[in-house]
Every structure is written in C-alpha cells, then in structure tokens.
Amino acid sequence: MAKKISNGNVYMATAKEVPQIGKRYYCYKLNSVDGRPKSAACYTSAVKAIECIGNNMYKVNTCNSIYLVNVG
C-alpha cells in the first residue's frame, strides 16, 4: 500500500544540488501546459526536512509545500 504524502501542495522538480535544511532551495518545478511538460525555475521557502527516497530522488519538505526532486 502506498504512503499518503500530503493533502497540500506537492510538486515534482529537478535540481543540480541536494537541499540544505534551513535554507531556501533553487529548483525547477515541472508543470503541464497544454499537455506538454514545462519547467519553471523557483526558490522554495525554507527547507524543513529532507528524505532520500531513491537513486538521486529526494522528498523535500518546506514551510509551504513538498517537492519530489530528482538531483543530478
């Protein structure tokens, strides 16, 4: 059975660096526009928790959202 992540804001993203707790995180949020994937650069709110969930994949909890990030 899959774990429930959150009822709030959950995003898929890519980044070049592993996040650091207490700092804002620069990443690229992935969205779908007219059925096509698009990415938009953004800074998150402060990182509260980080969990490695796989090969270069991280679950990043911020003050306002959760990001599932592929770092590479």
N, C-alpha and C. Protein backbone atom coordinates (compact mmCIF):
# COMPACT_ATOMS: atom_id res chain seq x y z
N MET A 1 0.84 -1.17 0.00
CA MET A 1 0.00 0.00 0.00
C MET A 1 0.89 1.24 0.00
N ALA A 2 0.59 2.21 -0.85
CA ALA A 2 1.38 3.43 -0.96
C ALA A 2 1.13 4.34 0.24
N LYS A 3 2.20 5.04 0.65
CA LYS A 3 2.07 6.01 1.73
C LYS A 3 1.45 7.29 1.20
N LYS A 4 0.56 7.88 1.99
CA LYS A 4 -0.02 9.16 1.63
C LYS A 4 1.01 10.24 1.94
N ILE A 5 1.29 11.13 0.98
CA ILE A 5 2.31 12.16 1.17
C ILE A 5 1.74 13.38 1.85
N SER A 6 0.66 13.94 1.31
CA SER A 6 0.13 15.19 1.86
C SER A 6 -1.17 15.55 1.19
N ASN A 7 -1.94 16.40 1.83
CA ASN A 7 -3.12 16.98 1.21
C ASN A 7 -2.81 18.34 0.61
N GLY A 8 -1.62 18.87 0.88
CA GLY A 8 -1.26 20.22 0.46
C GLY A 8 -0.62 20.27 -0.90
N ASN A 9 0.29 21.22 -1.07
CA ASN A 9 0.97 21.45 -2.33
C ASN A 9 2.12 20.47 -2.50
N VAL A 10 2.03 19.61 -3.51
CA VAL A 10 3.08 18.65 -3.82
C VAL A 10 3.51 18.86 -5.26
N TYR A 11 4.83 18.98 -5.48
CA TYR A 11 5.36 19.27 -6.80
C TYR A 11 6.46 18.29 -7.17
N MET A 12 6.60 18.02 -8.45
CA MET A 12 7.76 17.31 -9.00
C MET A 12 8.74 18.38 -9.42
N ALA A 13 10.05 18.12 -9.24
CA ALA A 13 11.06 19.12 -9.59
C ALA A 13 12.38 18.43 -9.92
N THR A 14 13.26 19.21 -10.53
CA THR A 14 14.63 18.78 -10.76
C THR A 14 15.54 19.85 -10.18
N ALA A 15 16.76 19.45 -9.84
CA ALA A 15 17.73 20.39 -9.28
C ALA A 15 19.14 19.87 -9.52
N LYS A 16 20.11 20.75 -9.31
CA LYS A 16 21.51 20.37 -9.50
C LYS A 16 22.21 20.04 -8.19
N GLU A 17 21.61 20.45 -7.06
CA GLU A 17 22.23 20.23 -5.75
C GLU A 17 21.23 19.64 -4.76
N VAL A 18 21.75 18.91 -3.79
CA VAL A 18 20.93 18.40 -2.70
C VAL A 18 20.58 19.58 -1.79
N PRO A 19 19.34 19.68 -1.33
CA PRO A 19 18.95 20.82 -0.49
C PRO A 19 19.61 20.78 0.89
N GLN A 20 19.58 21.92 1.57
CA GLN A 20 20.11 22.04 2.93
C GLN A 20 19.01 22.53 3.85
N ILE A 21 18.86 21.89 4.98
CA ILE A 21 17.83 22.28 5.95
C ILE A 21 18.07 23.71 6.41
N GLY A 22 16.98 24.48 6.47
CA GLY A 22 17.02 25.86 6.93
C GLY A 22 17.25 26.88 5.83
N LYS A 23 17.58 26.42 4.62
CA LYS A 23 17.84 27.34 3.51
C LYS A 23 16.76 27.20 2.44
N ARG A 24 16.56 28.27 1.68
CA ARG A 24 15.68 28.20 0.52
C ARG A 24 16.37 27.34 -0.53
N TYR A 25 15.58 26.72 -1.39
CA TYR A 25 16.10 25.74 -2.34
C TYR A 25 15.78 26.18 -3.76
N TYR A 26 16.80 26.21 -4.62
CA TYR A 26 16.62 26.57 -6.02
C TYR A 26 16.40 25.30 -6.83
N CYS A 27 15.27 25.23 -7.51
CA CYS A 27 14.96 24.05 -8.31
C CYS A 27 14.09 24.45 -9.49
N TYR A 28 13.75 23.46 -10.30
CA TYR A 28 12.88 23.68 -11.47
C TYR A 28 11.62 22.85 -11.28
N LYS A 29 10.49 23.51 -11.00
CA LYS A 29 9.22 22.81 -10.85
C LYS A 29 8.72 22.36 -12.22
N LEU A 30 8.22 21.14 -12.27
CA LEU A 30 7.69 20.59 -13.51
C LEU A 30 6.17 20.77 -13.54
N ASN A 31 5.68 21.32 -14.63
CA ASN A 31 4.25 21.55 -14.82
C ASN A 31 3.84 21.00 -16.17
N SER A 32 2.54 20.92 -16.39
CA SER A 32 2.00 20.54 -17.69
C SER A 32 1.22 21.73 -18.24
N VAL A 33 1.62 22.19 -19.42
CA VAL A 33 0.94 23.30 -20.09
C VAL A 33 0.46 22.79 -21.44
N ASP A 34 -0.85 22.80 -21.62
CA ASP A 34 -1.46 22.29 -22.85
C ASP A 34 -1.01 20.86 -23.14
N GLY A 35 -0.87 20.06 -22.09
CA GLY A 35 -0.48 18.66 -22.26
C GLY A 35 1.00 18.43 -22.49
N ARG A 36 1.79 19.50 -22.46
CA ARG A 36 3.24 19.37 -22.67
C ARG A 36 3.98 19.71 -21.38
N PRO A 37 5.05 18.96 -21.09
CA PRO A 37 5.81 19.26 -19.87
C PRO A 37 6.59 20.56 -20.00
N LYS A 38 6.56 21.35 -18.95
CA LYS A 38 7.31 22.61 -18.88
C LYS A 38 7.97 22.68 -17.52
N SER A 39 9.11 23.35 -17.44
CA SER A 39 9.75 23.57 -16.15
C SER A 39 9.89 25.06 -15.91
N ALA A 40 9.79 25.44 -14.65
CA ALA A 40 9.92 26.84 -14.27
C ALA A 40 10.85 26.93 -13.07
N ALA A 41 11.88 27.77 -13.18
CA ALA A 41 12.82 27.95 -12.07
C ALA A 41 12.12 28.62 -10.90
N CYS A 42 12.45 28.19 -9.69
CA CYS A 42 11.85 28.80 -8.50
C CYS A 42 12.75 28.61 -7.29
N TYR A 43 12.55 29.45 -6.30
CA TYR A 43 13.12 29.28 -4.97
C TYR A 43 12.00 28.84 -4.05
N THR A 44 12.24 27.80 -3.27
CA THR A 44 11.24 27.34 -2.31
C THR A 44 11.32 28.19 -1.05
N SER A 45 10.37 27.98 -0.16
CA SER A 45 10.51 28.53 1.19
C SER A 45 11.57 27.68 1.91
N ALA A 46 11.88 28.00 3.15
CA ALA A 46 12.95 27.31 3.88
C ALA A 46 12.68 25.80 3.97
N VAL A 47 13.72 25.02 3.77
CA VAL A 47 13.62 23.56 3.83
C VAL A 47 13.54 23.13 5.29
N LYS A 48 12.54 22.31 5.60
CA LYS A 48 12.33 21.81 6.96
C LYS A 48 12.85 20.39 7.15
N ALA A 49 12.74 19.55 6.11
CA ALA A 49 13.17 18.16 6.21
C ALA A 49 13.52 17.63 4.83
N ILE A 50 14.45 16.66 4.81
CA ILE A 50 14.89 16.04 3.56
C ILE A 50 14.91 14.54 3.79
N GLU A 51 14.39 13.79 2.82
CA GLU A 51 14.41 12.33 2.89
C GLU A 51 14.82 11.78 1.53
N CYS A 52 15.88 10.98 1.52
CA CYS A 52 16.30 10.32 0.29
C CYS A 52 15.33 9.16 0.05
N ILE A 53 14.65 9.17 -1.10
CA ILE A 53 13.65 8.14 -1.38
C ILE A 53 14.07 7.22 -2.52
N GLY A 54 15.27 7.40 -3.03
CA GLY A 54 15.75 6.55 -4.12
C GLY A 54 17.02 7.10 -4.70
N ASN A 55 17.39 6.56 -5.84
CA ASN A 55 18.62 6.96 -6.51
C ASN A 55 18.52 8.42 -6.98
N ASN A 56 19.15 9.32 -6.25
CA ASN A 56 19.14 10.76 -6.54
C ASN A 56 17.75 11.38 -6.47
N MET A 57 16.81 10.74 -5.77
CA MET A 57 15.46 11.28 -5.57
C MET A 57 15.29 11.64 -4.11
N TYR A 58 14.74 12.84 -3.87
CA TYR A 58 14.57 13.33 -2.51
C TYR A 58 13.16 13.86 -2.32
N LYS A 59 12.63 13.63 -1.12
CA LYS A 59 11.39 14.26 -0.69
C LYS A 59 11.81 15.44 0.17
N VAL A 60 11.46 16.64 -0.27
CA VAL A 60 11.90 17.87 0.39
C VAL A 60 10.67 18.57 0.97
N ASN A 61 10.60 18.65 2.30
CA ASN A 61 9.51 19.37 2.96
C ASN A 61 9.97 20.80 3.22
N THR A 62 9.16 21.75 2.78
CA THR A 62 9.44 23.16 3.04
C THR A 62 8.35 23.69 3.97
N CYS A 63 8.40 24.98 4.26
CA CYS A 63 7.37 25.59 5.11
C CYS A 63 5.99 25.47 4.48
N ASN A 64 5.92 25.53 3.16
CA ASN A 64 4.63 25.60 2.49
C ASN A 64 4.27 24.41 1.61
N SER A 65 5.25 23.59 1.22
CA SER A 65 5.00 22.55 0.21
C SER A 65 5.90 21.35 0.40
N ILE A 66 5.66 20.34 -0.44
CA ILE A 66 6.51 19.17 -0.54
C ILE A 66 6.96 19.06 -1.98
N TYR A 67 8.26 18.83 -2.19
CA TYR A 67 8.82 18.67 -3.52
C TYR A 67 9.44 17.28 -3.63
N LEU A 68 9.14 16.57 -4.69
CA LEU A 68 9.79 15.32 -5.02
C LEU A 68 10.81 15.68 -6.09
N VAL A 69 12.10 15.65 -5.70
CA VAL A 69 13.16 16.24 -6.52
C VAL A 69 14.13 15.18 -7.02
N ASN A 70 14.42 15.25 -8.33
CA ASN A 70 15.48 14.46 -8.94
C ASN A 70 16.72 15.35 -8.99
N VAL A 71 17.77 14.97 -8.27
CA VAL A 71 19.00 15.77 -8.23
C VAL A 71 20.01 15.15 -9.18
N GLY A 72 20.54 15.96 -10.07
CA GLY A 72 21.52 15.42 -10.99
C GLY A 72 21.94 16.37 -12.07
